[in-house]
Amino acid sequence: MLEASLMQLTVPAIALLLGWLFLAESPSLLALLSTLFILSGIALTSWAKARK
């Protein structure tokens, strides 16, 4: 159940990437920073789960 909820958190990061690739949108610094925080949180959660 935790993996599914973690994957849902990647939706904004994927949307940012796809907008940049296909729509030539330029991401703002805030959007890039937010994506970094989202992906870092997912990585930390996955790492903590793997340590158990």
PDB file of N, CA and C in Angstrom:
ATOM      1  N   MET A   1       0.828  -1.190   0.000  1.00  0.00           N
ATOM      2  CA  MET A   1       0.000   0.000   0.000  1.00  0.00           C
ATOM      3  C   MET A   1       0.874   1.256   0.000  1.00  0.00           C
ATOM      4  N   LEU A   2       1.992   1.211   0.712  1.00  0.00           N
ATOM      5  CA  LEU A   2       2.873   2.371   0.786  1.00  0.00           C
ATOM      6  C   LEU A   2       3.476   2.695  -0.579  1.00  0.00           C
ATOM      7  N   GLU A   3       3.829   1.678  -1.353  1.00  0.00           N
ATOM      8  CA  GLU A   3       4.422   1.914  -2.671  1.00  0.00           C
ATOM      9  C   GLU A   3       3.456   2.647  -3.595  1.00  0.00           C
ATOM     10  N   ALA A   4       2.185   2.292  -3.573  1.00  0.00           N
ATOM     11  CA  ALA A   4       1.201   2.958  -4.431  1.00  0.00           C
ATOM     12  C   ALA A   4       1.058   4.424  -4.047  1.00  0.00           C
ATOM     13  N   SER A   5       1.033   4.711  -2.769  1.00  0.00           N
ATOM     14  CA  SER A   5       0.896   6.108  -2.346  1.00  0.00           C
ATOM     15  C   SER A   5       2.159   6.904  -2.672  1.00  0.00           C
ATOM     16  N   LEU A   6       3.323   6.259  -2.596  1.00  0.00           N
ATOM     17  CA  LEU A   6       4.560   6.946  -2.975  1.00  0.00           C
ATOM     18  C   LEU A   6       4.587   7.243  -4.469  1.00  0.00           C
ATOM     19  N   MET A   7       4.111   6.329  -5.279  1.00  0.00           N
ATOM     20  CA  MET A   7       4.096   6.549  -6.720  1.00  0.00           C
ATOM     21  C   MET A   7       3.156   7.693  -7.098  1.00  0.00           C
ATOM     22  N   GLN A   8       2.082   7.869  -6.359  1.00  0.00           N
ATOM     23  CA  GLN A   8       1.166   8.979  -6.632  1.00  0.00           C
ATOM     24  C   GLN A   8       1.825  10.320  -6.362  1.00  0.00           C
ATOM     25  N   LEU A   9       2.796  10.348  -5.479  1.00  0.00           N
ATOM     26  CA  LEU A   9       3.495  11.593  -5.187  1.00  0.00           C
ATOM     27  C   LEU A   9       4.406  12.032  -6.331  1.00  0.00           C
ATOM     28  N   THR A  10       4.712  11.137  -7.252  1.00  0.00           N
ATOM     29  CA  THR A  10       5.571  11.492  -8.380  1.00  0.00           C
ATOM     30  C   THR A  10       4.815  12.193  -9.498  1.00  0.00           C
ATOM     31  N   VAL A  11       3.496  12.251  -9.426  1.00  0.00           N
ATOM     32  CA  VAL A  11       2.697  12.844 -10.510  1.00  0.00           C
ATOM     33  C   VAL A  11       3.114  14.284 -10.824  1.00  0.00           C
ATOM     34  N   PRO A  12       3.293  15.182  -9.845  1.00  0.00           N
ATOM     35  CA  PRO A  12       3.723  16.541 -10.212  1.00  0.00           C
ATOM     36  C   PRO A  12       5.093  16.574 -10.899  1.00  0.00           C
ATOM     37  N   ALA A  13       6.003  15.733 -10.470  1.00  0.00           N
ATOM     38  CA  ALA A  13       7.329  15.699 -11.093  1.00  0.00           C
ATOM     39  C   ALA A  13       7.235  15.198 -12.532  1.00  0.00           C
ATOM     40  N   ILE A  14       6.415  14.193 -12.761  1.00  0.00           N
ATOM     41  CA  ILE A  14       6.231  13.662 -14.108  1.00  0.00           C
ATOM     42  C   ILE A  14       5.548  14.697 -14.997  1.00  0.00           C
ATOM     43  N   ALA A  15       4.566  15.398 -14.464  1.00  0.00           N
ATOM     44  CA  ALA A  15       3.876  16.441 -15.231  1.00  0.00           C
ATOM     45  C   ALA A  15       4.837  17.560 -15.609  1.00  0.00           C
ATOM     46  N   LEU A  16       5.710  17.923 -14.696  1.00  0.00           N
ATOM     47  CA  LEU A  16       6.710  18.951 -14.981  1.00  0.00           C
ATOM     48  C   LEU A  16       7.633  18.498 -16.115  1.00  0.00           C
ATOM     49  N   LEU A  17       8.098  17.263 -16.038  1.00  0.00           N
ATOM     50  CA  LEU A  17       8.982  16.720 -17.060  1.00  0.00           C
ATOM     51  C   LEU A  17       8.288  16.645 -18.422  1.00  0.00           C
ATOM     52  N   LEU A  18       7.070  16.146 -18.449  1.00  0.00           N
ATOM     53  CA  LEU A  18       6.351  16.017 -19.713  1.00  0.00           C
ATOM     54  C   LEU A  18       6.009  17.377 -20.315  1.00  0.00           C
ATOM     55  N   GLY A  19       5.673  18.341 -19.475  1.00  0.00           N
ATOM     56  CA  GLY A  19       5.422  19.691 -19.966  1.00  0.00           C
ATOM     57  C   GLY A  19       6.657  20.291 -20.598  1.00  0.00           C
ATOM     58  N   TRP A  20       7.807  20.020 -20.002  1.00  0.00           N
ATOM     59  CA  TRP A  20       9.069  20.527 -20.540  1.00  0.00           C
ATOM     60  C   TRP A  20       9.411  19.831 -21.864  1.00  0.00           C
ATOM     61  N   LEU A  21       9.221  18.500 -21.917  1.00  0.00           N
ATOM     62  CA  LEU A  21       9.586  17.740 -23.110  1.00  0.00           C
ATOM     63  C   LEU A  21       8.662  18.000 -24.300  1.00  0.00           C
ATOM     64  N   PHE A  22       7.363  17.964 -24.048  1.00  0.00           N
ATOM     65  CA  PHE A  22       6.406  17.988 -25.161  1.00  0.00           C
ATOM     66  C   PHE A  22       5.790  19.353 -25.429  1.00  0.00           C
ATOM     67  N   LEU A  23       5.740  20.220 -24.444  1.00  0.00           N
ATOM     68  CA  LEU A  23       5.095  21.509 -24.623  1.00  0.00           C
ATOM     69  C   LEU A  23       6.064  22.679 -24.580  1.00  0.00           C
ATOM     70  N   ALA A  24       7.335  22.369 -24.437  1.00  0.00           N
ATOM     71  CA  ALA A  24       8.390  23.383 -24.391  1.00  0.00           C
ATOM     72  C   ALA A  24       8.158  24.417 -23.293  1.00  0.00           C
ATOM     73  N   GLU A  25       7.575  23.981 -22.187  1.00  0.00           N
ATOM     74  CA  GLU A  25       7.389  24.864 -21.043  1.00  0.00           C
ATOM     75  C   GLU A  25       8.718  24.990 -20.305  1.00  0.00           C
ATOM     76  N   SER A  26       8.973  26.159 -19.789  1.00  0.00           N
ATOM     77  CA  SER A  26      10.199  26.321 -19.004  1.00  0.00           C
ATOM     78  C   SER A  26       9.824  26.314 -17.520  1.00  0.00           C
ATOM     79  N   PRO A  27      10.321  25.323 -16.799  1.00  0.00           N
ATOM     80  CA  PRO A  27       9.984  25.229 -15.378  1.00  0.00           C
ATOM     81  C   PRO A  27      10.649  26.346 -14.576  1.00  0.00           C
ATOM     82  N   SER A  28       9.927  26.840 -13.604  1.00  0.00           N
ATOM     83  CA  SER A  28      10.478  27.880 -12.737  1.00  0.00           C
ATOM     84  C   SER A  28      11.417  27.253 -11.710  1.00  0.00           C
ATOM     85  N   LEU A  29      12.185  28.099 -11.079  1.00  0.00           N
ATOM     86  CA  LEU A  29      13.082  27.627 -10.035  1.00  0.00           C
ATOM     87  C   LEU A  29      12.295  26.999  -8.887  1.00  0.00           C
ATOM     88  N   LEU A  30      11.160  27.585  -8.548  1.00  0.00           N
ATOM     89  CA  LEU A  30      10.317  27.037  -7.479  1.00  0.00           C
ATOM     90  C   LEU A  30       9.788  25.652  -7.848  1.00  0.00           C
ATOM     91  N   ALA A  31       9.395  25.464  -9.099  1.00  0.00           N
ATOM     92  CA  ALA A  31       8.908  24.156  -9.541  1.00  0.00           C
ATOM     93  C   ALA A  31      10.015  23.109  -9.484  1.00  0.00           C
ATOM     94  N   LEU A  32      11.218  23.490  -9.891  1.00  0.00           N
ATOM     95  CA  LEU A  32      12.346  22.554  -9.834  1.00  0.00           C
ATOM     96  C   LEU A  32      12.717  22.213  -8.397  1.00  0.00           C
ATOM     97  N   LEU A  33      12.698  23.203  -7.531  1.00  0.00           N
ATOM     98  CA  LEU A  33      12.996  22.977  -6.122  1.00  0.00           C
ATOM     99  C   LEU A  33      11.936  22.088  -5.477  1.00  0.00           C
ATOM    100  N   SER A  34      10.686  22.330  -5.811  1.00  0.00           N
ATOM    101  CA  SER A  34       9.593  21.503  -5.284  1.00  0.00           C
ATOM    102  C   SER A  34       9.732  20.062  -5.741  1.00  0.00           C
ATOM    103  N   THR A  35      10.104  19.876  -6.997  1.00  0.00           N
ATOM    104  CA  THR A  35      10.307  18.527  -7.526  1.00  0.00           C
ATOM    105  C   THR A  35      11.450  17.828  -6.795  1.00  0.00           C
ATOM    106  N   LEU A  36      12.497  18.568  -6.530  1.00  0.00           N
ATOM    107  CA  LEU A  36      13.620  18.011  -5.775  1.00  0.00           C
ATOM    108  C   LEU A  36      13.182  17.553  -4.380  1.00  0.00           C
ATOM    109  N   PHE A  37      12.389  18.364  -3.703  1.00  0.00           N
ATOM    110  CA  PHE A  37      11.893  17.989  -2.379  1.00  0.00           C
ATOM    111  C   PHE A  37      10.976  16.770  -2.442  1.00  0.00           C
ATOM    112  N   ILE A  38      10.114  16.713  -3.442  1.00  0.00           N
ATOM    113  CA  ILE A  38       9.204  15.576  -3.595  1.00  0.00           C
ATOM    114  C   ILE A  38      10.000  14.289  -3.799  1.00  0.00           C
ATOM    115  N   LEU A  39      10.939  14.325  -4.748  1.00  0.00           N
ATOM    116  CA  LEU A  39      11.713  13.118  -5.042  1.00  0.00           C
ATOM    117  C   LEU A  39      12.627  12.723  -3.884  1.00  0.00           C
ATOM    118  N   SER A  40      13.138  13.713  -3.161  1.00  0.00           N
ATOM    119  CA  SER A  40      13.954  13.410  -1.978  1.00  0.00           C
ATOM    120  C   SER A  40      13.118  12.748  -0.887  1.00  0.00           C
ATOM    121  N   GLY A  41      11.920  13.226  -0.689  1.00  0.00           N
ATOM    122  CA  GLY A  41      11.029  12.626   0.305  1.00  0.00           C
ATOM    123  C   GLY A  41      10.660  11.202  -0.044  1.00  0.00           C
ATOM    124  N   ILE A  42      10.413  10.955  -1.319  1.00  0.00           N
ATOM    125  CA  ILE A  42      10.101   9.594  -1.769  1.00  0.00           C
ATOM    126  C   ILE A  42      11.318   8.688  -1.560  1.00  0.00           C
ATOM    127  N   ALA A  43      12.496   9.189  -1.907  1.00  0.00           N
ATOM    128  CA  ALA A  43      13.709   8.387  -1.731  1.00  0.00           C
ATOM    129  C   ALA A  43      13.960   8.070  -0.256  1.00  0.00           C
ATOM    130  N   LEU A  44      13.796   9.056   0.609  1.00  0.00           N
ATOM    131  CA  LEU A  44      14.000   8.825   2.045  1.00  0.00           C
ATOM    132  C   LEU A  44      12.997   7.825   2.603  1.00  0.00           C
ATOM    133  N   THR A  45      11.760   7.927   2.179  1.00  0.00           N
ATOM    134  CA  THR A  45      10.737   7.002   2.649  1.00  0.00           C
ATOM    135  C   THR A  45      11.017   5.587   2.169  1.00  0.00           C
ATOM    136  N   SER A  46      11.398   5.451   0.915  1.00  0.00           N
ATOM    137  CA  SER A  46      11.721   4.121   0.380  1.00  0.00           C
ATOM    138  C   SER A  46      12.950   3.536   1.072  1.00  0.00           C
ATOM    139  N   TRP A  47      13.943   4.384   1.329  1.00  0.00           N
ATOM    140  CA  TRP A  47      15.156   3.930   2.007  1.00  0.00           C
ATOM    141  C   TRP A  47      14.853   3.474   3.439  1.00  0.00           C
ATOM    142  N   ALA A  48      14.017   4.241   4.137  1.00  0.00           N
ATOM    143  CA  ALA A  48      13.661   3.875   5.503  1.00  0.00           C
ATOM    144  C   ALA A  48      12.865   2.572   5.533  1.00  0.00           C
ATOM    145  N   LYS A  49      12.001   2.389   4.550  1.00  0.00           N
ATOM    146  CA  LYS A  49      11.218   1.156   4.490  1.00  0.00           C
ATOM    147  C   LYS A  49      12.124  -0.040   4.204  1.00  0.00           C
ATOM    148  N   ALA A  50      13.133   0.161   3.350  1.00  0.00           N
ATOM    149  CA  ALA A  50      14.042  -0.939   3.007  1.00  0.00           C
ATOM    150  C   ALA A  50      14.933  -1.326   4.195  1.00  0.00           C
ATOM    151  N   ARG A  51      15.199  -0.385   5.076  1.00  0.00           N
ATOM    152  CA  ARG A  51      16.049  -0.674   6.255  1.00  0.00           C
ATOM    153  C   ARG A  51      15.331  -1.535   7.290  1.00  0.00           C
ATOM    154  N   LYS A  52      14.029  -1.534   7.272  1.00  0.00           N
ATOM    155  CA  LYS A  52      13.278  -2.320   8.278  1.00  0.00           C
ATOM    156  C   LYS A  52      13.409  -3.790   8.072  1.00  0.00           C
TER     157      LYS A  52
END
